[in-house]
C-alpha atoms as a PDB file:
ATOM      1  CA  MET A   1     220.346 120.712 123.996  1.00  0.00           C
ATOM      2  CA  SER A   2     220.020 123.835 122.691  1.00  0.00           C
ATOM      3  CA  ASN A   3     220.637 127.028 125.082  1.00  0.00           C
ATOM      4  CA  LEU A   4     216.736 127.429 124.578  1.00  0.00           C
ATOM      5  CA  ALA A   5     215.743 124.060 126.281  1.00  0.00           C
ATOM      6  CA  ASN A   6     218.418 124.323 128.505  1.00  0.00           C
ATOM      7  CA  HIS A   7     216.926 127.508 129.627  1.00  0.00           C
ATOM      8  CA  ILE A   8     213.475 125.656 129.644  1.00  0.00           C
ATOM      9  CA  ASN A   9     214.880 122.950 131.495  1.00  0.00           C
ATOM     10  CA  GLU A  10     216.566 124.959 134.297  1.00  0.00           C
ATOM     11  CA  LEU A  11     212.937 127.064 134.874  1.00  0.00           C
ATOM     12  CA  LYS A  12     211.087 123.778 135.414  1.00  0.00           C
ATOM     13  CA  THR A  13     213.484 122.667 137.857  1.00  0.00           C
ATOM     14  CA  ALA A  14     213.864 125.727 139.848  1.00  0.00           C
ATOM     15  CA  GLU A  15     209.833 125.707 139.421  1.00  0.00           C
ATOM     16  CA  ALA A  16     209.939 122.093 141.002  1.00  0.00           C
ATOM     17  CA  PHE A  17     211.599 122.682 143.947  1.00  0.00           C
ATOM     18  CA  SER A  18     210.274 125.890 144.788  1.00  0.00           C
ATOM     19  CA  ARG A  19     206.711 123.819 144.841  1.00  0.00           C
ATOM     20  CA  GLN A  20     208.578 121.485 146.952  1.00  0.00           C
ATOM     21  CA  ALA A  21     210.004 124.435 149.471  1.00  0.00           C
ATOM     22  CA  GLU A  22     208.038 124.159 152.027  1.00  0.00           C
ATOM     23  CA  ILE A  23     207.792 120.314 152.826  1.00  0.00           C
ATOM     24  CA  PHE A  24     211.380 120.030 151.921  1.00  0.00           C
ATOM     25  CA  ASP A  25     212.822 119.748 155.747  1.00  0.00           C
ATOM     26  CA  GLU A  26     209.930 117.476 156.857  1.00  0.00           C
ATOM     27  CA  TYR A  27     211.263 115.037 154.259  1.00  0.00           C
ATOM     28  CA  TYR A  28     214.805 115.415 154.700  1.00  0.00           C
ATOM     29  CA  ASN A  29     214.747 115.875 158.447  1.00  0.00           C
ATOM     30  CA  THR A  30     212.720 112.742 159.018  1.00  0.00           C
ATOM     31  CA  ASP A  31     214.166 110.460 157.071  1.00  0.00           C
ATOM     32  CA  GLU A  32     217.537 108.147 158.768  1.00  0.00           C
ATOM     33  CA  ILE A  33     219.306 107.539 155.368  1.00  0.00           C
ATOM     34  CA  ILE A  34     219.208 110.925 154.226  1.00  0.00           C
ATOM     35  CA  GLN A  35     220.701 111.962 157.680  1.00  0.00           C
ATOM     36  CA  TYR A  36     223.214 109.429 157.220  1.00  0.00           C
ATOM     37  CA  LYS A  37     224.047 110.745 153.858  1.00  0.00           C
ATOM     38  CA  ARG A  38     223.995 114.165 155.134  1.00  0.00           C
ATOM     39  CA  GLN A  39     226.658 113.301 158.154  1.00  0.00           C
ATOM     40  CA  ARG A  40     228.799 111.402 155.683  1.00  0.00           C
ATOM     41  CA  VAL A  41     229.003 114.425 153.626  1.00  0.00           C
ATOM     42  CA  ARG A  42     229.519 116.802 156.166  1.00  0.00           C
ATOM     43  CA  ASP A  43     232.278 114.567 157.919  1.00  0.00           C
ATOM     44  CA  HIS A  44     233.728 114.305 154.567  1.00  0.00           C
ATOM     45  CA  VAL A  45     233.586 117.996 153.757  1.00  0.00           C
ATOM     46  CA  SER A  46     234.925 118.715 157.650  1.00  0.00           C
ATOM     47  CA  ARG A  47     238.169 117.012 156.980  1.00  0.00           C
ATOM     48  CA  TYR A  48     239.394 119.202 153.880  1.00  0.00           C
ATOM     49  CA  ALA A  49     237.828 122.451 154.649  1.00  0.00           C
ATOM     50  CA  PRO A  50     240.049 124.975 156.398  1.00  0.00           C
ATOM     51  CA  PRO A  51     239.212 126.737 160.092  1.00  0.00           C
ATOM     52  CA  ASN A  52     236.906 129.508 159.319  1.00  0.00           C
ATOM     53  CA  CYS A  53     236.751 129.482 155.905  1.00  0.00           C
ATOM     54  CA  PHE A  54     234.901 131.481 152.768  1.00  0.00           C
ATOM     55  CA  LEU A  55     232.310 128.943 151.410  1.00  0.00           C
ATOM     56  CA  LEU A  56     230.300 128.945 148.082  1.00  0.00           C
ATOM     57  CA  GLU A  57     227.573 126.341 148.444  1.00  0.00           C
ATOM     58  CA  LEU A  58     226.032 126.016 145.290  1.00  0.00           C
ATOM     59  CA  ASN A  59     222.171 124.348 144.904  1.00  0.00           C
ATOM     60  CA  CYS A  60     221.659 125.276 148.917  1.00  0.00           C
ATOM     61  CA  GLY A  61     217.949 124.856 149.231  1.00  0.00           C
ATOM     62  CA  THR A  62     216.348 125.651 152.322  1.00  0.00           C
ATOM     63  CA  GLY A  63     219.982 126.277 153.917  1.00  0.00           C
ATOM     64  CA  GLU A  64     220.343 123.116 156.496  1.00  0.00           C
ATOM     65  CA  ASP A  65     224.090 122.534 155.431  1.00  0.00           C
ATOM     66  CA  ALA A  66     224.379 126.365 155.147  1.00  0.00           C
ATOM     67  CA  MET A  67     223.718 126.768 158.402  1.00  0.00           C
ATOM     68  CA  PHE A  68     225.688 123.675 159.610  1.00  0.00           C
ATOM     69  CA  PHE A  69     228.696 125.284 158.154  1.00  0.00           C
ATOM     70  CA  ALA A  70     228.331 128.709 159.709  1.00  0.00           C
ATOM     71  CA  ARG A  71     227.903 126.873 163.387  1.00  0.00           C
ATOM     72  CA  GLN A  72     231.511 125.151 162.576  1.00  0.00           C
ATOM     73  CA  GLY A  73     232.820 128.979 162.215  1.00  0.00           C
ATOM     74  CA  HIS A  74     232.573 129.261 158.659  1.00  0.00           C
ATOM     75  CA  ARG A  75     230.761 131.891 156.632  1.00  0.00           C
ATOM     76  CA  VAL A  76     228.607 130.954 153.578  1.00  0.00           C
ATOM     77  CA  HIS A  77     227.931 132.242 150.428  1.00  0.00           C
ATOM     78  CA  ALA A  78     224.782 130.410 149.516  1.00  0.00           C
ATOM     79  CA  THR A  79     223.563 130.125 145.853  1.00  0.00           C
ATOM     80  CA  ASP A  80     220.333 128.506 144.458  1.00  0.00           C
ATOM     81  CA  ILE A  81     218.057 128.464 140.951  1.00  0.00           C
ATOM     82  CA  SER A  82     214.457 128.178 143.298  1.00  0.00           C
ATOM     83  CA  ASP A  83     213.258 131.303 145.383  1.00  0.00           C
ATOM     84  CA  GLY A  84     210.971 129.288 147.070  1.00  0.00           C
ATOM     85  CA  MET A  85     214.155 127.700 148.552  1.00  0.00           C
ATOM     86  CA  LEU A  86     215.768 130.836 149.142  1.00  0.00           C
ATOM     87  CA  ALA A  87     212.630 131.925 150.381  1.00  0.00           C
ATOM     88  CA  GLU A  88     212.667 128.935 153.652  1.00  0.00           C
ATOM     89  CA  LEU A  89     216.417 130.220 153.947  1.00  0.00           C
ATOM     90  CA  ASP A  90     215.655 133.472 154.641  1.00  0.00           C
ATOM     91  CA  HIS A  91     212.934 133.159 157.186  1.00  0.00           C
ATOM     92  CA  LYS A  92     215.153 130.562 158.845  1.00  0.00           C
ATOM     93  CA  MET A  93     217.831 133.718 159.262  1.00  0.00           C
ATOM     94  CA  GLU A  94     215.230 135.578 161.091  1.00  0.00           C
ATOM     95  CA  ASN A  95     215.851 132.865 164.535  1.00  0.00           C
ATOM     96  CA  PHE A  96     219.377 132.201 163.677  1.00  0.00           C
ATOM     97  CA  PRO A  97     221.560 133.502 165.936  1.00  0.00           C
ATOM     98  CA  LEU A  98     224.690 133.043 162.848  1.00  0.00           C
ATOM     99  CA  ALA A  99     222.942 134.577 159.947  1.00  0.00           C
ATOM    100  CA  ALA A 100     225.491 136.775 160.008  1.00  0.00           C
ATOM    101  CA  HIS A 101     227.992 134.554 158.664  1.00  0.00           C
ATOM    102  CA  ILE A 102     225.310 133.441 155.536  1.00  0.00           C
ATOM    103  CA  SER A 103     224.984 135.516 152.473  1.00  0.00           C
ATOM    104  CA  TYR A 104     222.431 134.184 149.669  1.00  0.00           C
ATOM    105  CA  GLU A 105     221.409 134.925 146.466  1.00  0.00           C
ATOM    106  CA  LEU A 106     219.380 133.878 143.774  1.00  0.00           C
ATOM    107  CA  CYS A 107     221.865 132.251 141.373  1.00  0.00           C
ATOM    108  CA  SER A 108     222.112 129.265 138.703  1.00  0.00           C
ATOM    109  CA  PHE A 109     225.432 127.025 138.889  1.00  0.00           C
ATOM    110  CA  THR A 110     225.483 127.942 135.270  1.00  0.00           C
ATOM    111  CA  GLU A 111     225.729 131.484 135.465  1.00  0.00           C
ATOM    112  CA  LEU A 112     228.505 131.822 138.368  1.00  0.00           C
ATOM    113  CA  GLN A 113     230.486 134.261 136.390  1.00  0.00           C
ATOM    114  CA  THR A 114     227.290 136.449 137.098  1.00  0.00           C
ATOM    115  CA  LEU A 115     227.336 136.186 140.845  1.00  0.00           C
ATOM    116  CA  ASN A 116     227.577 139.111 142.988  1.00  0.00           C
ATOM    117  CA  GLU A 117     229.885 137.508 145.822  1.00  0.00           C
ATOM    118  CA  GLN A 118     232.786 136.726 143.443  1.00  0.00           C
ATOM    119  CA  GLY A 119     234.994 135.777 146.252  1.00  0.00           C
ATOM    120  CA  PRO A 120     237.743 134.345 145.780  1.00  0.00           C
ATOM    121  CA  PHE A 121     236.346 131.095 148.224  1.00  0.00           C
ATOM    122  CA  ASP A 122     238.297 129.034 150.240  1.00  0.00           C
ATOM    123  CA  TYR A 123     235.830 126.304 149.477  1.00  0.00           C
ATOM    124  CA  ILE A 124     232.994 125.392 147.100  1.00  0.00           C
ATOM    125  CA  PHE A 125     230.496 122.974 147.677  1.00  0.00           C
ATOM    126  CA  SER A 126     227.568 120.852 146.312  1.00  0.00           C
ATOM    127  CA  ASN A 127     225.390 118.652 148.032  1.00  0.00           C
ATOM    128  CA  PHE A 128     222.366 115.690 146.597  1.00  0.00           C
ATOM    129  CA  GLY A 129     222.807 115.883 143.189  1.00  0.00           C
ATOM    130  CA  GLY A 130     221.673 119.365 142.663  1.00  0.00           C
ATOM    131  CA  LEU A 131     224.584 119.756 139.540  1.00  0.00           C
ATOM    132  CA  ASN A 132     222.754 116.660 137.753  1.00  0.00           C
ATOM    133  CA  CYS A 133     220.263 119.064 136.852  1.00  0.00           C
ATOM    134  CA  THR A 134     222.099 120.167 134.257  1.00  0.00           C
ATOM    135  CA  ASN A 135     223.849 118.869 130.723  1.00  0.00           C
ATOM    136  CA  GLU A 136     226.327 121.875 131.090  1.00  0.00           C
ATOM    137  CA  LEU A 137     228.254 120.530 133.995  1.00  0.00           C
ATOM    138  CA  ASN A 138     231.525 120.632 132.034  1.00  0.00           C
ATOM    139  CA  GLU A 139     230.799 124.585 131.900  1.00  0.00           C
ATOM    140  CA  VAL A 140     229.927 124.959 135.615  1.00  0.00           C
ATOM    141  CA  LEU A 141     233.211 122.715 136.333  1.00  0.00           C
ATOM    142  CA  HIS A 142     235.336 125.172 134.497  1.00  0.00           C
ATOM    143  CA  SER A 143     233.830 128.567 136.180  1.00  0.00           C
ATOM    144  CA  PHE A 144     235.278 127.109 139.880  1.00  0.00           C
ATOM    145  CA  GLY A 145     238.891 128.177 138.430  1.00  0.00           C
ATOM    146  CA  SER A 146     238.707 131.664 138.892  1.00  0.00           C
ATOM    147  CA  LEU A 147     236.273 131.770 142.092  1.00  0.00           C
ATOM    148  CA  LEU A 148     238.525 129.506 144.260  1.00  0.00           C
ATOM    149  CA  LYS A 149     241.957 130.683 145.877  1.00  0.00           C
ATOM    150  CA  PRO A 150     244.681 128.762 144.931  1.00  0.00           C
ATOM    151  CA  GLY A 151     244.662 125.729 147.139  1.00  0.00           C
ATOM    152  CA  GLY A 152     241.551 126.117 147.689  1.00  0.00           C
ATOM    153  CA  VAL A 153     238.841 122.782 147.482  1.00  0.00           C
ATOM    154  CA  THR A 154     235.641 121.635 145.930  1.00  0.00           C
ATOM    155  CA  THR A 155     233.404 119.224 147.084  1.00  0.00           C
ATOM    156  CA  LEU A 156     230.413 117.908 145.151  1.00  0.00           C
ATOM    157  CA  VAL A 157     227.952 114.841 145.596  1.00  0.00           C
ATOM    158  CA  ILE A 158     227.073 113.867 142.352  1.00  0.00           C
ATOM    159  CA  ILE A 159     224.366 111.179 141.317  1.00  0.00           C
ATOM    160  CA  SER A 160     226.706 108.395 139.323  1.00  0.00           C
ATOM    161  CA  LYS A 161     226.117 106.258 136.169  1.00  0.00           C
ATOM    162  CA  PHE A 162     226.196 103.101 137.748  1.00  0.00           C
ATOM    163  CA  CYS A 163     223.831 102.329 141.171  1.00  0.00           C
ATOM    164  CA  LEU A 164     224.263  99.093 142.938  1.00  0.00           C
ATOM    165  CA  TRP A 165     221.361  98.774 144.080  1.00  0.00           C
ATOM    166  CA  GLU A 166     219.243 100.070 141.031  1.00  0.00           C
ATOM    167  CA  THR A 167     221.351  97.085 138.952  1.00  0.00           C
ATOM    168  CA  LEU A 168     220.270  94.842 141.595  1.00  0.00           C
ATOM    169  CA  LEU A 169     216.626  95.434 140.768  1.00  0.00           C
ATOM    170  CA  VAL A 170     217.228  93.216 137.125  1.00  0.00           C
ATOM    171  CA  PHE A 171     216.641  90.390 139.289  1.00  0.00           C
ATOM    172  CA  LYS A 172     212.632  91.827 140.120  1.00  0.00           C
ATOM    173  CA  GLY A 173     212.436  91.451 136.234  1.00  0.00           C
ATOM    174  CA  ARG A 174     212.594  96.301 136.914  1.00  0.00           C
ATOM    175  CA  PHE A 175     215.031  96.169 133.809  1.00  0.00           C
ATOM    176  CA  LYS A 176     214.036 100.018 132.815  1.00  0.00           C
ATOM    177  CA  THR A 177     214.970 100.940 135.993  1.00  0.00           C
ATOM    178  CA  ALA A 178     217.437  99.063 136.640  1.00  0.00           C
ATOM    179  CA  PHE A 179     219.668 100.118 133.402  1.00  0.00           C
ATOM    180  CA  ARG A 180     218.028 104.169 133.366  1.00  0.00           C
ATOM    181  CA  ARG A 181     221.610 105.438 134.316  1.00  0.00           C
ATOM    182  CA  PHE A 182     223.297 103.555 131.312  1.00  0.00           C
ATOM    183  CA  PHE A 183     221.062 105.059 128.980  1.00  0.00           C
ATOM    184  CA  SER A 184     221.060 108.568 129.615  1.00  0.00           C
ATOM    185  CA  SER A 185     223.265 110.682 127.466  1.00  0.00           C
ATOM    186  CA  LYS A 186     220.306 113.024 126.381  1.00  0.00           C
ATOM    187  CA  GLY A 187     219.125 112.918 129.924  1.00  0.00           C
ATOM    188  CA  ARG A 188     216.046 111.060 132.228  1.00  0.00           C
ATOM    189  CA  LYS A 189     212.945 113.418 133.073  1.00  0.00           C
ATOM    190  CA  ALA A 190     212.643 113.998 137.135  1.00  0.00           C
ATOM    191  CA  HIS A 191     208.811 114.424 138.553  1.00  0.00           C
ATOM    192  CA  VAL A 192     209.223 116.409 141.930  1.00  0.00           C
ATOM    193  CA  GLU A 193     205.967 118.139 142.961  1.00  0.00           C
ATOM    194  CA  GLY A 194     204.142 117.856 139.153  1.00  0.00           C
ATOM    195  CA  VAL A 195     206.690 119.187 137.174  1.00  0.00           C
ATOM    196  CA  VAL A 196     208.645 117.372 134.754  1.00  0.00           C
ATOM    197  CA  PHE A 197     212.118 117.981 134.008  1.00  0.00           C
ATOM    198  CA  LYS A 198     215.275 117.079 133.005  1.00  0.00           C
ATOM    199  CA  CYS A 199     218.577 115.398 134.734  1.00  0.00           C
ATOM    200  CA  TRP A 200     221.710 113.845 134.150  1.00  0.00           C
ATOM    201  CA  TYR A 201     224.697 111.336 135.541  1.00  0.00           C
ATOM    202  CA  TYR A 202     227.861 111.593 135.844  1.00  0.00           C
ATOM    203  CA  ASN A 203     231.088 109.421 136.619  1.00  0.00           C
ATOM    204  CA  PRO A 204     233.773 110.787 138.515  1.00  0.00           C
ATOM    205  CA  SER A 205     236.180 110.230 136.248  1.00  0.00           C
ATOM    206  CA  TYR A 206     233.786 113.000 134.151  1.00  0.00           C
ATOM    207  CA  VAL A 207     234.617 115.407 137.083  1.00  0.00           C
ATOM    208  CA  ILE A 208     238.067 114.793 136.912  1.00  0.00           C
ATOM    209  CA  LYS A 209     238.742 114.904 133.114  1.00  0.00           C
ATOM    210  CA  HIS A 210     237.458 118.443 133.167  1.00  0.00           C
ATOM    211  CA  LEU A 211     239.385 120.036 136.233  1.00  0.00           C
ATOM    212  CA  LYS A 212     242.276 117.617 135.751  1.00  0.00           C
ATOM    213  CA  ASN A 213     244.626 120.854 134.363  1.00  0.00           C
ATOM    214  CA  ASN A 214     244.292 122.770 137.393  1.00  0.00           C
ATOM    215  CA  PHE A 215     243.150 120.848 140.036  1.00  0.00           C
ATOM    216  CA  ASN A 216     244.282 117.608 142.026  1.00  0.00           C
ATOM    217  CA  VAL A 217     241.823 114.544 143.461  1.00  0.00           C
ATOM    218  CA  LEU A 218     241.915 114.703 147.229  1.00  0.00           C
ATOM    219  CA  GLY A 219     239.682 111.544 147.529  1.00  0.00           C
ATOM    220  CA  VAL A 220     236.442 109.747 145.884  1.00  0.00           C
ATOM    221  CA  GLU A 221     233.775 108.548 148.280  1.00  0.00           C
ATOM    222  CA  GLY A 222     230.955 105.819 147.502  1.00  0.00           C
ATOM    223  CA  LEU A 223     227.382 107.292 149.009  1.00  0.00           C
ATOM    224  CA  CYS A 224     224.521 104.447 149.528  1.00  0.00           C
ATOM    225  CA  THR A 225     226.718 102.010 147.992  1.00  0.00           C
ATOM    226  CA  ILE A 226     225.891  99.359 150.934  1.00  0.00           C
ATOM    227  CA  VAL A 227     223.300 101.611 152.804  1.00  0.00           C
ATOM    228  CA  PRO A 228     220.159 101.330 149.908  1.00  0.00           C
ATOM    229  CA  PRO A 229     219.563 104.819 148.129  1.00  0.00           C
ATOM    230  CA  SER A 230     217.251 106.907 150.319  1.00  0.00           C
ATOM    231  CA  TYR A 231     214.346 106.555 148.387  1.00  0.00           C
ATOM    232  CA  ILE A 232     213.756 102.804 149.911  1.00  0.00           C
ATOM    233  CA  GLU A 233     211.943 104.995 152.364  1.00  0.00           C
ATOM    234  CA  GLY A 234     211.346 103.868 155.917  1.00  0.00           C
ATOM    235  CA  PHE A 235     214.257 100.867 155.493  1.00  0.00           C
ATOM    236  CA  GLY A 236     215.879 102.173 158.872  1.00  0.00           C
ATOM    237  CA  LYS A 237     212.695 102.204 160.917  1.00  0.00           C
ATOM    238  CA  LYS A 238     211.855  99.118 159.528  1.00  0.00           C
ATOM    239  CA  PHE A 239     215.107  97.383 160.037  1.00  0.00           C
ATOM    240  CA  PRO A 240     216.928  99.049 162.064  1.00  0.00           C
ATOM    241  CA  ARG A 241     220.015  96.163 163.510  1.00  0.00           C
ATOM    242  CA  LEU A 242     220.556  96.236 160.005  1.00  0.00           C
ATOM    243  CA  PHE A 243     220.633  99.160 158.895  1.00  0.00           C
ATOM    244  CA  SER A 244     223.468  99.523 161.392  1.00  0.00           C
ATOM    245  CA  LEU A 245     225.527  96.896 160.115  1.00  0.00           C
ATOM    246  CA  LEU A 246     225.025  98.247 156.601  1.00  0.00           C
ATOM    247  CA  LYS A 247     226.080 102.042 157.387  1.00  0.00           C
ATOM    248  CA  SER A 248     229.264 100.346 159.577  1.00  0.00           C
ATOM    249  CA  LYS A 249     230.392  98.524 156.364  1.00  0.00           C
ATOM    250  CA  GLU A 250     229.804 101.374 154.342  1.00  0.00           C
ATOM    251  CA  ASN A 251     231.922 103.743 156.570  1.00  0.00           C
ATOM    252  CA  LYS A 252     234.505 101.424 156.429  1.00  0.00           C
ATOM    253  CA  TRP A 253     234.644 100.709 152.627  1.00  0.00           C
ATOM    254  CA  ALA A 254     233.354 103.926 151.256  1.00  0.00           C
ATOM    255  CA  ALA A 255     236.612 105.044 149.901  1.00  0.00           C
ATOM    256  CA  SER A 256     237.684 101.061 148.426  1.00  0.00           C
ATOM    257  CA  TRP A 257     237.633 100.144 145.312  1.00  0.00           C
ATOM    258  CA  PRO A 258     235.226  98.688 144.215  1.00  0.00           C
ATOM    259  CA  TRP A 259     233.015 100.607 146.852  1.00  0.00           C
ATOM    260  CA  LYS A 260     233.758 104.036 145.910  1.00  0.00           C
ATOM    261  CA  TYR A 261     231.940 103.350 142.506  1.00  0.00           C
ATOM    262  CA  LEU A 262     229.041 101.833 143.444  1.00  0.00           C
ATOM    263  CA  GLY A 263     226.927 104.142 145.263  1.00  0.00           C
ATOM    264  CA  ASP A 264     223.615 105.915 144.385  1.00  0.00           C
ATOM    265  CA  TYR A 265     225.975 109.113 144.497  1.00  0.00           C
ATOM    266  CA  TYR A 266     229.585 109.838 145.377  1.00  0.00           C
ATOM    267  CA  ILE A 267     231.134 112.718 146.933  1.00  0.00           C
ATOM    268  CA  ILE A 268     234.885 114.386 145.159  1.00  0.00           C
ATOM    269  CA  SER A 269     237.058 116.776 146.643  1.00  0.00           C
ATOM    270  CA  LEU A 270     239.273 118.199 144.527  1.00  0.00           C
ATOM    271  CA  GLN A 271     242.029 120.920 144.977  1.00  0.00           C
ATOM    272  CA  LYS A 272     243.807 123.658 143.110  1.00  0.00           C
ATOM    273  CA  LYS A 273     246.972 123.709 142.275  1.00  0.00           C
END
């Protein structure tokens, strides 16, 4: 995509999530699978985050993760491209007792060099596939080196190019959905609140390739490999015993081959040399 096309896609992405901002928490805080995903990610970050660290969050949304990490004793600088999402975060800060631990600004992760707050940070964090909204992920990754302290860590939650649950849809004759990630080099259309924008899929090897000169891999985990993706709405309520069983199996095998490469998402953490 050209620079103009990238800019237009970012504007559409921002518009889509601004439209969704007011109902975002209602959806994300009531779905059992989304809550499972969020807890998995937070547990992963907690393994690598040093005490009282300074954390840069990309695509922070309404600030749920920022507030969680503030409660853990960290200081968070939260960023998002959606002014609607940041407006929701701003509203939450009015009654949040640790608001002094959270700062925030409107900024795309493709323009981190323009951040008012340049750190250096102990940690860079991005959750739930926000980074899939650009085809310039390589440029985003390359900007991390100047923002992180030596020994600093980044944890990214990215939608992968292969999802076991989606691929199994081939047995239902849903071939387009089953293979949509495989043929997505030019991006796939996403629809949010009536707005269409493009997103791209990336394997862990892509992230490792672009960071390997200055970062070491700490870990890769699959997310929603055995547990179904959250767009299968109501699964946890309809099948609570099965959901509990699937969670226990995924928690056990998430970092093992091949499961770490089969999820709807993967969690990857790397440490700056």
